[in-house]
Amino acid sequence: MKKPGRPLCLDPRARPVATESETMDRLNFEAGLLVKRAMRASGWTYADLATALRAMGVRRSATVINRRINRGNFSAGFLLACLAAMGQELRLRSATPRETTDRTD
């Protein structure tokens, strides 16, 4: 009779599940690559991106933007702002923060 409980994996080739920290590091790296690829495809520099973001109300120098992107130290909102500033097609529903909290779904 088989006992209930946590299954054991005896295969030494099996990969352990990544930790949350490892997963987030990988995703932050991927987010940075996403912005860099869009910049390269558009022929943009960090100065160009800083100028375009400034027109959207994001006031950061090209140096700060470069550092943020290369470290992967930015929010999802910043990622979306960068992509929108470069004219990448984004399918977002515009809503103010209040509209998102007032929903009664």
PDB file of N, CA and C in Angstrom:
ATOM      1  N   MET A   1       0.848  -1.182   0.000  1.00  0.00           N
ATOM      2  CA  MET A   1       0.000   0.000   0.000  1.00  0.00           C
ATOM      3  C   MET A   1       0.891   1.242   0.000  1.00  0.00           C
ATOM      4  N   LYS A   2       0.582   2.173  -0.902  1.00  0.00           N
ATOM      5  CA  LYS A   2       1.363   3.389  -1.031  1.00  0.00           C
ATOM      6  C   LYS A   2       0.932   4.407   0.016  1.00  0.00           C
ATOM      7  N   LYS A   3       1.924   5.001   0.683  1.00  0.00           N
ATOM      8  CA  LYS A   3       1.618   6.013   1.698  1.00  0.00           C
ATOM      9  C   LYS A   3       1.440   7.373   1.028  1.00  0.00           C
ATOM     10  N   PRO A   4       0.443   8.128   1.479  1.00  0.00           N
ATOM     11  CA  PRO A   4       0.270   9.470   0.919  1.00  0.00           C
ATOM     12  C   PRO A   4       1.387  10.376   1.423  1.00  0.00           C
ATOM     13  N   GLY A   5       1.685  11.369   0.662  1.00  0.00           N
ATOM     14  CA  GLY A   5       2.713  12.320   1.085  1.00  0.00           C
ATOM     15  C   GLY A   5       3.381  12.953  -0.113  1.00  0.00           C
ATOM     16  N   ARG A   6       4.410  13.631   0.165  1.00  0.00           N
ATOM     17  CA  ARG A   6       5.145  14.359  -0.859  1.00  0.00           C
ATOM     18  C   ARG A   6       5.957  13.381  -1.702  1.00  0.00           C
ATOM     19  N   PRO A   7       5.810  13.451  -3.043  1.00  0.00           N
ATOM     20  CA  PRO A   7       6.554  12.527  -3.890  1.00  0.00           C
ATOM     21  C   PRO A   7       8.042  12.862  -3.893  1.00  0.00           C
ATOM     22  N   LEU A   8       8.863  11.844  -3.980  1.00  0.00           N
ATOM     23  CA  LEU A   8      10.302  12.019  -4.045  1.00  0.00           C
ATOM     24  C   LEU A   8      10.759  11.861  -5.476  1.00  0.00           C
ATOM     25  N   CYS A   9      11.726  12.647  -5.867  1.00  0.00           N
ATOM     26  CA  CYS A   9      12.312  12.515  -7.189  1.00  0.00           C
ATOM     27  C   CYS A   9      13.719  11.978  -7.002  1.00  0.00           C
ATOM     28  N   LEU A  10      13.952  10.798  -7.495  1.00  0.00           N
ATOM     29  CA  LEU A  10      15.255  10.169  -7.333  1.00  0.00           C
ATOM     30  C   LEU A  10      16.138  10.343  -8.562  1.00  0.00           C
ATOM     31  N   ASP A  11      15.653  11.051  -9.572  1.00  0.00           N
ATOM     32  CA  ASP A  11      16.417  11.265 -10.793  1.00  0.00           C
ATOM     33  C   ASP A  11      17.408  12.408 -10.569  1.00  0.00           C
ATOM     34  N   PRO A  12      18.720  12.152 -10.612  1.00  0.00           N
ATOM     35  CA  PRO A  12      19.706  13.213 -10.359  1.00  0.00           C
ATOM     36  C   PRO A  12      19.725  14.267 -11.464  1.00  0.00           C
ATOM     37  N   ARG A  13      19.151  13.963 -12.617  1.00  0.00           N
ATOM     38  CA  ARG A  13      19.116  14.940 -13.714  1.00  0.00           C
ATOM     39  C   ARG A  13      17.952  15.909 -13.595  1.00  0.00           C
ATOM     40  N   ALA A  14      17.033  15.639 -12.720  1.00  0.00           N
ATOM     41  CA  ALA A  14      15.860  16.506 -12.559  1.00  0.00           C
ATOM     42  C   ALA A  14      16.306  17.853 -12.005  1.00  0.00           C
ATOM     43  N   ARG A  15      15.745  18.907 -12.586  1.00  0.00           N
ATOM     44  CA  ARG A  15      16.099  20.248 -12.137  1.00  0.00           C
ATOM     45  C   ARG A  15      15.242  20.640 -10.939  1.00  0.00           C
ATOM     46  N   PRO A  16      15.843  21.220  -9.929  1.00  0.00           N
ATOM     47  CA  PRO A  16      15.032  21.712  -8.810  1.00  0.00           C
ATOM     48  C   PRO A  16      14.224  22.931  -9.249  1.00  0.00           C
ATOM     49  N   VAL A  17      13.139  23.153  -8.594  1.00  0.00           N
ATOM     50  CA  VAL A  17      12.300  24.308  -8.882  1.00  0.00           C
ATOM     51  C   VAL A  17      13.057  25.564  -8.457  1.00  0.00           C
ATOM     52  N   ALA A  18      13.030  26.589  -9.312  1.00  0.00           N
ATOM     53  CA  ALA A  18      13.713  27.837  -9.005  1.00  0.00           C
ATOM     54  C   ALA A  18      13.039  28.538  -7.836  1.00  0.00           C
ATOM     55  N   THR A  19      13.826  29.291  -7.102  1.00  0.00           N
ATOM     56  CA  THR A  19      13.267  30.089  -6.015  1.00  0.00           C
ATOM     57  C   THR A  19      12.606  31.330  -6.607  1.00  0.00           C
ATOM     58  N   GLU A  20      11.822  32.000  -5.802  1.00  0.00           N
ATOM     59  CA  GLU A  20      11.180  33.237  -6.264  1.00  0.00           C
ATOM     60  C   GLU A  20      12.233  34.256  -6.672  1.00  0.00           C
ATOM     61  N   SER A  21      13.285  34.369  -5.894  1.00  0.00           N
ATOM     62  CA  SER A  21      14.352  35.315  -6.184  1.00  0.00           C
ATOM     63  C   SER A  21      15.019  35.008  -7.526  1.00  0.00           C
ATOM     64  N   GLU A  22      15.298  33.742  -7.784  1.00  0.00           N
ATOM     65  CA  GLU A  22      15.915  33.346  -9.050  1.00  0.00           C
ATOM     66  C   GLU A  22      14.979  33.638 -10.230  1.00  0.00           C
ATOM     67  N   THR A  23      13.710  33.359 -10.032  1.00  0.00           N
ATOM     68  CA  THR A  23      12.731  33.616 -11.086  1.00  0.00           C
ATOM     69  C   THR A  23      12.632  35.107 -11.379  1.00  0.00           C
ATOM     70  N   MET A  24      12.566  35.928 -10.332  1.00  0.00           N
ATOM     71  CA  MET A  24      12.457  37.370 -10.531  1.00  0.00           C
ATOM     72  C   MET A  24      13.720  37.941 -11.162  1.00  0.00           C
ATOM     73  N   ASP A  25      14.889  37.454 -10.780  1.00  0.00           N
ATOM     74  CA  ASP A  25      16.136  37.903 -11.401  1.00  0.00           C
ATOM     75  C   ASP A  25      16.121  37.609 -12.895  1.00  0.00           C
ATOM     76  N   ARG A  26      15.671  36.417 -13.259  1.00  0.00           N
ATOM     77  CA  ARG A  26      15.618  36.038 -14.667  1.00  0.00           C
ATOM     78  C   ARG A  26      14.634  36.909 -15.432  1.00  0.00           C
ATOM     79  N   LEU A  27      13.463  37.166 -14.827  1.00  0.00           N
ATOM     80  CA  LEU A  27      12.454  37.984 -15.495  1.00  0.00           C
ATOM     81  C   LEU A  27      12.887  39.443 -15.597  1.00  0.00           C
ATOM     82  N   ASN A  28      13.568  39.966 -14.576  1.00  0.00           N
ATOM     83  CA  ASN A  28      14.090  41.331 -14.640  1.00  0.00           C
ATOM     84  C   ASN A  28      15.114  41.456 -15.762  1.00  0.00           C
ATOM     85  N   PHE A  29      15.955  40.438 -15.904  1.00  0.00           N
ATOM     86  CA  PHE A  29      16.939  40.415 -16.986  1.00  0.00           C
ATOM     87  C   PHE A  29      16.225  40.415 -18.336  1.00  0.00           C
ATOM     88  N   GLU A  30      15.183  39.606 -18.467  1.00  0.00           N
ATOM     89  CA  GLU A  30      14.419  39.537 -19.712  1.00  0.00           C
ATOM     90  C   GLU A  30      13.739  40.873 -20.022  1.00  0.00           C
ATOM     91  N   ALA A  31      13.236  41.552 -18.998  1.00  0.00           N
ATOM     92  CA  ALA A  31      12.589  42.852 -19.203  1.00  0.00           C
ATOM     93  C   ALA A  31      13.601  43.870 -19.730  1.00  0.00           C
ATOM     94  N   GLY A  32      14.813  43.846 -19.179  1.00  0.00           N
ATOM     95  CA  GLY A  32      15.864  44.729 -19.663  1.00  0.00           C
ATOM     96  C   GLY A  32      16.205  44.434 -21.117  1.00  0.00           C
ATOM     97  N   LEU A  33      16.281  43.150 -21.458  1.00  0.00           N
ATOM     98  CA  LEU A  33      16.558  42.769 -22.844  1.00  0.00           C
ATOM     99  C   LEU A  33      15.453  43.238 -23.778  1.00  0.00           C
ATOM    100  N   LEU A  34      14.224  43.183 -23.316  1.00  0.00           N
ATOM    101  CA  LEU A  34      13.094  43.626 -24.122  1.00  0.00           C
ATOM    102  C   LEU A  34      13.253  45.094 -24.508  1.00  0.00           C
ATOM    103  N   VAL A  35      13.625  45.926 -23.549  1.00  0.00           N
ATOM    104  CA  VAL A  35      13.817  47.353 -23.829  1.00  0.00           C
ATOM    105  C   VAL A  35      15.020  47.551 -24.746  1.00  0.00           C
ATOM    106  N   LYS A  36      16.121  46.854 -24.459  1.00  0.00           N
ATOM    107  CA  LYS A  36      17.322  47.013 -25.274  1.00  0.00           C
ATOM    108  C   LYS A  36      17.089  46.581 -26.720  1.00  0.00           C
ATOM    109  N   ARG A  37      16.360  45.488 -26.911  1.00  0.00           N
ATOM    110  CA  ARG A  37      16.061  45.032 -28.271  1.00  0.00           C
ATOM    111  C   ARG A  37      15.206  46.045 -29.013  1.00  0.00           C
ATOM    112  N   ALA A  38      14.227  46.623 -28.316  1.00  0.00           N
ATOM    113  CA  ALA A  38      13.375  47.641 -28.943  1.00  0.00           C
ATOM    114  C   ALA A  38      14.206  48.872 -29.306  1.00  0.00           C
ATOM    115  N   MET A  39      15.140  49.246 -28.426  1.00  0.00           N
ATOM    116  CA  MET A  39      15.997  50.396 -28.719  1.00  0.00           C
ATOM    117  C   MET A  39      16.873  50.119 -29.939  1.00  0.00           C
ATOM    118  N   ARG A  40      17.459  48.948 -29.979  1.00  0.00           N
ATOM    119  CA  ARG A  40      18.342  48.597 -31.097  1.00  0.00           C
ATOM    120  C   ARG A  40      17.550  48.551 -32.412  1.00  0.00           C
ATOM    121  N   ALA A  41      16.356  47.958 -32.367  1.00  0.00           N
ATOM    122  CA  ALA A  41      15.534  47.849 -33.579  1.00  0.00           C
ATOM    123  C   ALA A  41      15.106  49.229 -34.091  1.00  0.00           C
ATOM    124  N   SER A  42      14.926  50.171 -33.169  1.00  0.00           N
ATOM    125  CA  SER A  42      14.482  51.518 -33.547  1.00  0.00           C
ATOM    126  C   SER A  42      15.643  52.470 -33.780  1.00  0.00           C
ATOM    127  N   GLY A  43      16.857  52.036 -33.434  1.00  0.00           N
ATOM    128  CA  GLY A  43      18.018  52.906 -33.567  1.00  0.00           C
ATOM    129  C   GLY A  43      18.065  54.007 -32.519  1.00  0.00           C
ATOM    130  N   TRP A  44      17.476  53.739 -31.356  1.00  0.00           N
ATOM    131  CA  TRP A  44      17.410  54.730 -30.295  1.00  0.00           C
ATOM    132  C   TRP A  44      18.619  54.632 -29.373  1.00  0.00           C
ATOM    133  N   THR A  45      18.984  55.778 -28.796  1.00  0.00           N
ATOM    134  CA  THR A  45      20.000  55.822 -27.746  1.00  0.00           C
ATOM    135  C   THR A  45      19.279  56.063 -26.422  1.00  0.00           C
ATOM    136  N   TYR A  46      20.026  55.965 -25.330  1.00  0.00           N
ATOM    137  CA  TYR A  46      19.429  56.258 -24.026  1.00  0.00           C
ATOM    138  C   TYR A  46      19.026  57.727 -23.941  1.00  0.00           C
ATOM    139  N   ALA A  47      19.757  58.604 -24.609  1.00  0.00           N
ATOM    140  CA  ALA A  47      19.386  60.027 -24.632  1.00  0.00           C
ATOM    141  C   ALA A  47      18.062  60.218 -25.367  1.00  0.00           C
ATOM    142  N   ASP A  48      17.882  59.496 -26.478  1.00  0.00           N
ATOM    143  CA  ASP A  48      16.613  59.576 -27.210  1.00  0.00           C
ATOM    144  C   ASP A  48      15.467  59.095 -26.335  1.00  0.00           C
ATOM    145  N   LEU A  49      15.690  57.997 -25.632  1.00  0.00           N
ATOM    146  CA  LEU A  49      14.655  57.447 -24.764  1.00  0.00           C
ATOM    147  C   LEU A  49      14.332  58.413 -23.629  1.00  0.00           C
ATOM    148  N   ALA A  50      15.360  59.028 -23.043  1.00  0.00           N
ATOM    149  CA  ALA A  50      15.141  59.997 -21.959  1.00  0.00           C
ATOM    150  C   ALA A  50      14.293  61.166 -22.449  1.00  0.00           C
ATOM    151  N   THR A  51      14.567  61.632 -23.657  1.00  0.00           N
ATOM    152  CA  THR A  51      13.796  62.746 -24.232  1.00  0.00           C
ATOM    153  C   THR A  51      12.343  62.345 -24.451  1.00  0.00           C
ATOM    154  N   ALA A  52      12.130  61.160 -25.001  1.00  0.00           N
ATOM    155  CA  ALA A  52      10.761  60.696 -25.257  1.00  0.00           C
ATOM    156  C   ALA A  52      10.009  60.461 -23.951  1.00  0.00           C
ATOM    157  N   LEU A  53      10.684  59.922 -22.963  1.00  0.00           N
ATOM    158  CA  LEU A  53      10.037  59.700 -21.661  1.00  0.00           C
ATOM    159  C   LEU A  53       9.710  61.020 -20.977  1.00  0.00           C
ATOM    160  N   ARG A  54      10.573  62.009 -21.139  1.00  0.00           N
ATOM    161  CA  ARG A  54      10.332  63.323 -20.536  1.00  0.00           C
ATOM    162  C   ARG A  54       9.020  63.909 -21.064  1.00  0.00           C
ATOM    163  N   ALA A  55       8.741  63.689 -22.348  1.00  0.00           N
ATOM    164  CA  ALA A  55       7.491  64.182 -22.939  1.00  0.00           C
ATOM    165  C   ALA A  55       6.278  63.481 -22.341  1.00  0.00           C
ATOM    166  N   MET A  56       6.498  62.299 -21.752  1.00  0.00           N
ATOM    167  CA  MET A  56       5.416  61.548 -21.104  1.00  0.00           C
ATOM    168  C   MET A  56       5.332  61.856 -19.605  1.00  0.00           C
ATOM    169  N   GLY A  57       6.262  62.674 -19.109  1.00  0.00           N
ATOM    170  CA  GLY A  57       6.257  63.030 -17.698  1.00  0.00           C
ATOM    171  C   GLY A  57       7.244  62.244 -16.849  1.00  0.00           C
ATOM    172  N   VAL A  58       8.044  61.371 -17.460  1.00  0.00           N
ATOM    173  CA  VAL A  58       9.049  60.595 -16.727  1.00  0.00           C
ATOM    174  C   VAL A  58      10.360  61.353 -16.841  1.00  0.00           C
ATOM    175  N   ARG A  59      10.777  61.974 -15.765  1.00  0.00           N
ATOM    176  CA  ARG A  59      11.952  62.829 -15.790  1.00  0.00           C
ATOM    177  C   ARG A  59      13.161  62.116 -15.194  1.00  0.00           C
ATOM    178  N   ARG A  60      13.877  61.411 -16.057  1.00  0.00           N
ATOM    179  CA  ARG A  60      15.101  60.707 -15.670  1.00  0.00           C
ATOM    180  C   ARG A  60      16.163  60.996 -16.717  1.00  0.00           C
ATOM    181  N   SER A  61      17.405  61.108 -16.287  1.00  0.00           N
ATOM    182  CA  SER A  61      18.490  61.347 -17.241  1.00  0.00           C
ATOM    183  C   SER A  61      18.798  60.067 -18.000  1.00  0.00           C
ATOM    184  N   ALA A  62      19.495  60.225 -19.113  1.00  0.00           N
ATOM    185  CA  ALA A  62      19.892  59.065 -19.912  1.00  0.00           C
ATOM    186  C   ALA A  62      20.765  58.127 -19.084  1.00  0.00           C
ATOM    187  N   THR A  63      21.609  58.668 -18.236  1.00  0.00           N
ATOM    188  CA  THR A  63      22.485  57.846 -17.391  1.00  0.00           C
ATOM    189  C   THR A  63      21.682  57.005 -16.412  1.00  0.00           C
ATOM    190  N   VAL A  64      20.686  57.606 -15.795  1.00  0.00           N
ATOM    191  CA  VAL A  64      19.845  56.878 -14.842  1.00  0.00           C
ATOM    192  C   VAL A  64      19.037  55.792 -15.561  1.00  0.00           C
ATOM    193  N   ILE A  65      18.521  56.123 -16.728  1.00  0.00           N
ATOM    194  CA  ILE A  65      17.748  55.147 -17.507  1.00  0.00           C
ATOM    195  C   ILE A  65      18.643  53.976 -17.907  1.00  0.00           C
ATOM    196  N   ASN A  66      19.840  54.281 -18.365  1.00  0.00           N
ATOM    197  CA  ASN A  66      20.807  53.242 -18.727  1.00  0.00           C
ATOM    198  C   ASN A  66      21.065  52.320 -17.544  1.00  0.00           C
ATOM    199  N   ARG A  67      21.321  52.911 -16.396  1.00  0.00           N
ATOM    200  CA  ARG A  67      21.620  52.127 -15.189  1.00  0.00           C
ATOM    201  C   ARG A  67      20.434  51.254 -14.792  1.00  0.00           C
ATOM    202  N   ARG A  68      19.232  51.826 -14.816  1.00  0.00           N
ATOM    203  CA  ARG A  68      18.024  51.066 -14.450  1.00  0.00           C
ATOM    204  C   ARG A  68      17.812  49.868 -15.370  1.00  0.00           C
ATOM    205  N   ILE A  69      17.938  50.116 -16.658  1.00  0.00           N
ATOM    206  CA  ILE A  69      17.694  49.049 -17.621  1.00  0.00           C
ATOM    207  C   ILE A  69      18.749  47.960 -17.504  1.00  0.00           C
ATOM    208  N   ASN A  70      20.002  48.344 -17.376  1.00  0.00           N
ATOM    209  CA  ASN A  70      21.065  47.350 -17.293  1.00  0.00           C
ATOM    210  C   ASN A  70      21.042  46.554 -15.994  1.00  0.00           C
ATOM    211  N   ARG A  71      20.542  47.132 -14.949  1.00  0.00           N
ATOM    212  CA  ARG A  71      20.406  46.403 -13.682  1.00  0.00           C
ATOM    213  C   ARG A  71      19.093  45.637 -13.596  1.00  0.00           C
ATOM    214  N   GLY A  72      18.163  45.951 -14.471  1.00  0.00           N
ATOM    215  CA  GLY A  72      16.847  45.329 -14.391  1.00  0.00           C
ATOM    216  C   GLY A  72      16.076  45.834 -13.187  1.00  0.00           C
ATOM    217  N   ASN A  73      16.398  47.054 -12.775  1.00  0.00           N
ATOM    218  CA  ASN A  73      15.833  47.630 -11.563  1.00  0.00           C
ATOM    219  C   ASN A  73      14.760  48.663 -11.927  1.00  0.00           C
ATOM    220  N   PHE A  74      13.633  48.170 -12.427  1.00  0.00           N
ATOM    221  CA  PHE A  74      12.556  49.089 -12.778  1.00  0.00           C
ATOM    222  C   PHE A  74      11.223  48.361 -12.694  1.00  0.00           C
ATOM    223  N   SER A  75      10.177  49.158 -12.633  1.00  0.00           N
ATOM    224  CA  SER A  75       8.833  48.613 -12.479  1.00  0.00           C
ATOM    225  C   SER A  75       8.244  48.233 -13.837  1.00  0.00           C
ATOM    226  N   ALA A  76       7.156  47.519 -13.778  1.00  0.00           N
ATOM    227  CA  ALA A  76       6.434  47.173 -15.001  1.00  0.00           C
ATOM    228  C   ALA A  76       5.926  48.445 -15.681  1.00  0.00           C
ATOM    229  N   GLY A  77       5.553  49.426 -14.893  1.00  0.00           N
ATOM    230  CA  GLY A  77       5.096  50.698 -15.457  1.00  0.00           C
ATOM    231  C   GLY A  77       6.190  51.392 -16.254  1.00  0.00           C
ATOM    232  N   PHE A  78       7.414  51.354 -15.738  1.00  0.00           N
ATOM    233  CA  PHE A  78       8.542  51.952 -16.449  1.00  0.00           C
ATOM    234  C   PHE A  78       8.811  51.194 -17.747  1.00  0.00           C
ATOM    235  N   LEU A  79       8.724  49.884 -17.699  1.00  0.00           N
ATOM    236  CA  LEU A  79       8.891  49.066 -18.898  1.00  0.00           C
ATOM    237  C   LEU A  79       7.875  49.469 -19.959  1.00  0.00           C
ATOM    238  N   LEU A  80       6.620  49.579 -19.566  1.00  0.00           N
ATOM    239  CA  LEU A  80       5.562  49.950 -20.508  1.00  0.00           C
ATOM    240  C   LEU A  80       5.756  51.372 -21.030  1.00  0.00           C
ATOM    241  N   ALA A  81       6.217  52.278 -20.169  1.00  0.00           N
ATOM    242  CA  ALA A  81       6.475  53.654 -20.606  1.00  0.00           C
ATOM    243  C   ALA A  81       7.587  53.682 -21.653  1.00  0.00           C
ATOM    244  N   CYS A  82       8.643  52.910 -21.439  1.00  0.00           N
ATOM    245  CA  CYS A  82       9.747  52.857 -22.405  1.00  0.00           C
ATOM    246  C   CYS A  82       9.256  52.336 -23.749  1.00  0.00           C
ATOM    247  N   LEU A  83       8.509  51.258 -23.719  1.00  0.00           N
ATOM    248  CA  LEU A  83       8.020  50.675 -24.967  1.00  0.00           C
ATOM    249  C   LEU A  83       7.057  51.623 -25.684  1.00  0.00           C
ATOM    250  N   ALA A  84       6.188  52.279 -24.932  1.00  0.00           N
ATOM    251  CA  ALA A  84       5.247  53.228 -25.532  1.00  0.00           C
ATOM    252  C   ALA A  84       5.995  54.431 -26.106  1.00  0.00           C
ATOM    253  N   ALA A  85       7.011  54.910 -25.392  1.00  0.00           N
ATOM    254  CA  ALA A  85       7.789  56.057 -25.867  1.00  0.00           C
ATOM    255  C   ALA A  85       8.477  55.754 -27.189  1.00  0.00           C
ATOM    256  N   MET A  86       8.868  54.495 -27.390  1.00  0.00           N
ATOM    257  CA  MET A  86       9.538  54.095 -28.629  1.00  0.00           C
ATOM    258  C   MET A  86       8.543  53.710 -29.723  1.00  0.00           C
ATOM    259  N   GLY A  87       7.246  53.836 -29.431  1.00  0.00           N
ATOM    260  CA  GLY A  87       6.231  53.559 -30.428  1.00  0.00           C
ATOM    261  C   GLY A  87       5.924  52.087 -30.612  1.00  0.00           C
ATOM    262  N   GLN A  88       6.319  51.270 -29.636  1.00  0.00           N
ATOM    263  CA  GLN A  88       5.997  49.843 -29.705  1.00  0.00           C
ATOM    264  C   GLN A  88       4.497  49.696 -29.498  1.00  0.00           C
ATOM    265  N   GLU A  89       3.883  48.821 -30.257  1.00  0.00           N
ATOM    266  CA  GLU A  89       2.437  48.644 -30.135  1.00  0.00           C
ATOM    267  C   GLU A  89       2.115  47.926 -28.833  1.00  0.00           C
ATOM    268  N   LEU A  90       1.341  48.581 -28.016  1.00  0.00           N
ATOM    269  CA  LEU A  90       0.907  48.010 -26.742  1.00  0.00           C
ATOM    270  C   LEU A  90      -0.605  47.998 -26.736  1.00  0.00           C
ATOM    271  N   ARG A  91      -1.164  46.913 -26.299  1.00  0.00           N
ATOM    272  CA  ARG A  91      -2.619  46.836 -26.196  1.00  0.00           C
ATOM    273  C   ARG A  91      -2.988  46.937 -24.732  1.00  0.00           C
ATOM    274  N   LEU A  92      -3.144  48.157 -24.284  1.00  0.00           N
ATOM    275  CA  LEU A  92      -3.481  48.408 -22.892  1.00  0.00           C
ATOM    276  C   LEU A  92      -4.781  49.178 -22.821  1.00  0.00           C
ATOM    277  N   ARG A  93      -5.520  48.907 -21.799  1.00  0.00           N
ATOM    278  CA  ARG A  93      -6.718  49.693 -21.531  1.00  0.00           C
ATOM    279  C   ARG A  93      -6.291  50.799 -20.595  1.00  0.00           C
ATOM    280  N   SER A  94      -6.433  52.035 -21.031  1.00  0.00           N
ATOM    281  CA  SER A  94      -6.048  53.151 -20.190  1.00  0.00           C
ATOM    282  C   SER A  94      -7.061  53.315 -19.068  1.00  0.00           C
ATOM    283  N   ALA A  95      -6.556  53.386 -17.876  1.00  0.00           N
ATOM    284  CA  ALA A  95      -7.417  53.583 -16.710  1.00  0.00           C
ATOM    285  C   ALA A  95      -6.622  54.310 -15.654  1.00  0.00           C
ATOM    286  N   THR A  96      -7.297  55.147 -14.921  1.00  0.00           N
ATOM    287  CA  THR A  96      -6.636  55.788 -13.797  1.00  0.00           C
ATOM    288  C   THR A  96      -6.613  54.797 -12.642  1.00  0.00           C
ATOM    289  N   PRO A  97      -5.708  54.961 -11.686  1.00  0.00           N
ATOM    290  CA  PRO A  97      -5.672  54.031 -10.548  1.00  0.00           C
ATOM    291  C   PRO A  97      -7.024  53.942  -9.833  1.00  0.00           C
ATOM    292  N   ARG A  98      -7.745  55.051  -9.772  1.00  0.00           N
ATOM    293  CA  ARG A  98      -9.044  55.037  -9.088  1.00  0.00           C
ATOM    294  C   ARG A  98     -10.045  54.157  -9.839  1.00  0.00           C
ATOM    295  N   GLU A  99     -10.019  54.226 -11.186  1.00  0.00           N
ATOM    296  CA  GLU A  99     -10.934  53.403 -11.967  1.00  0.00           C
ATOM    297  C   GLU A  99     -10.703  51.926 -11.740  1.00  0.00           C
ATOM    298  N   THR A 100      -9.448  51.549 -11.535  1.00  0.00           N
ATOM    299  CA  THR A 100      -9.153  50.128 -11.348  1.00  0.00           C
ATOM    300  C   THR A 100      -9.608  49.641  -9.978  1.00  0.00           C
ATOM    301  N   THR A 101      -9.661  50.538  -8.987  1.00  0.00           N
ATOM    302  CA  THR A 101     -10.095  50.103  -7.655  1.00  0.00           C
ATOM    303  C   THR A 101     -11.600  50.204  -7.489  1.00  0.00           C
ATOM    304  N   ASP A 102     -12.264  50.971  -8.367  1.00  0.00           N
ATOM    305  CA  ASP A 102     -13.714  51.128  -8.252  1.00  0.00           C
ATOM    306  C   ASP A 102     -14.492  50.046  -8.995  1.00  0.00           C
ATOM    307  N   ARG A 103     -13.806  49.145  -9.641  1.00  0.00           N
ATOM    308  CA  ARG A 103     -14.491  48.094 -10.393  1.00  0.00           C
ATOM    309  C   ARG A 103     -15.242  47.152  -9.459  1.00  0.00           C
ATOM    310  N   THR A 104     -16.390  46.712  -9.929  1.00  0.00           N
ATOM    311  CA  THR A 104     -17.202  45.810  -9.109  1.00  0.00           C
ATOM    312  C   THR A 104     -17.470  44.528  -9.881  1.00  0.00           C
ATOM    313  N   ASP A 105     -16.424  43.936 -10.444  1.00  0.00           N
ATOM    314  CA  ASP A 105     -16.584  42.687 -11.204  1.00  0.00           C
ATOM    315  C   ASP A 105     -16.990  41.564 -10.302  1.00  0.00           C
TER     316      ASP A 105
END
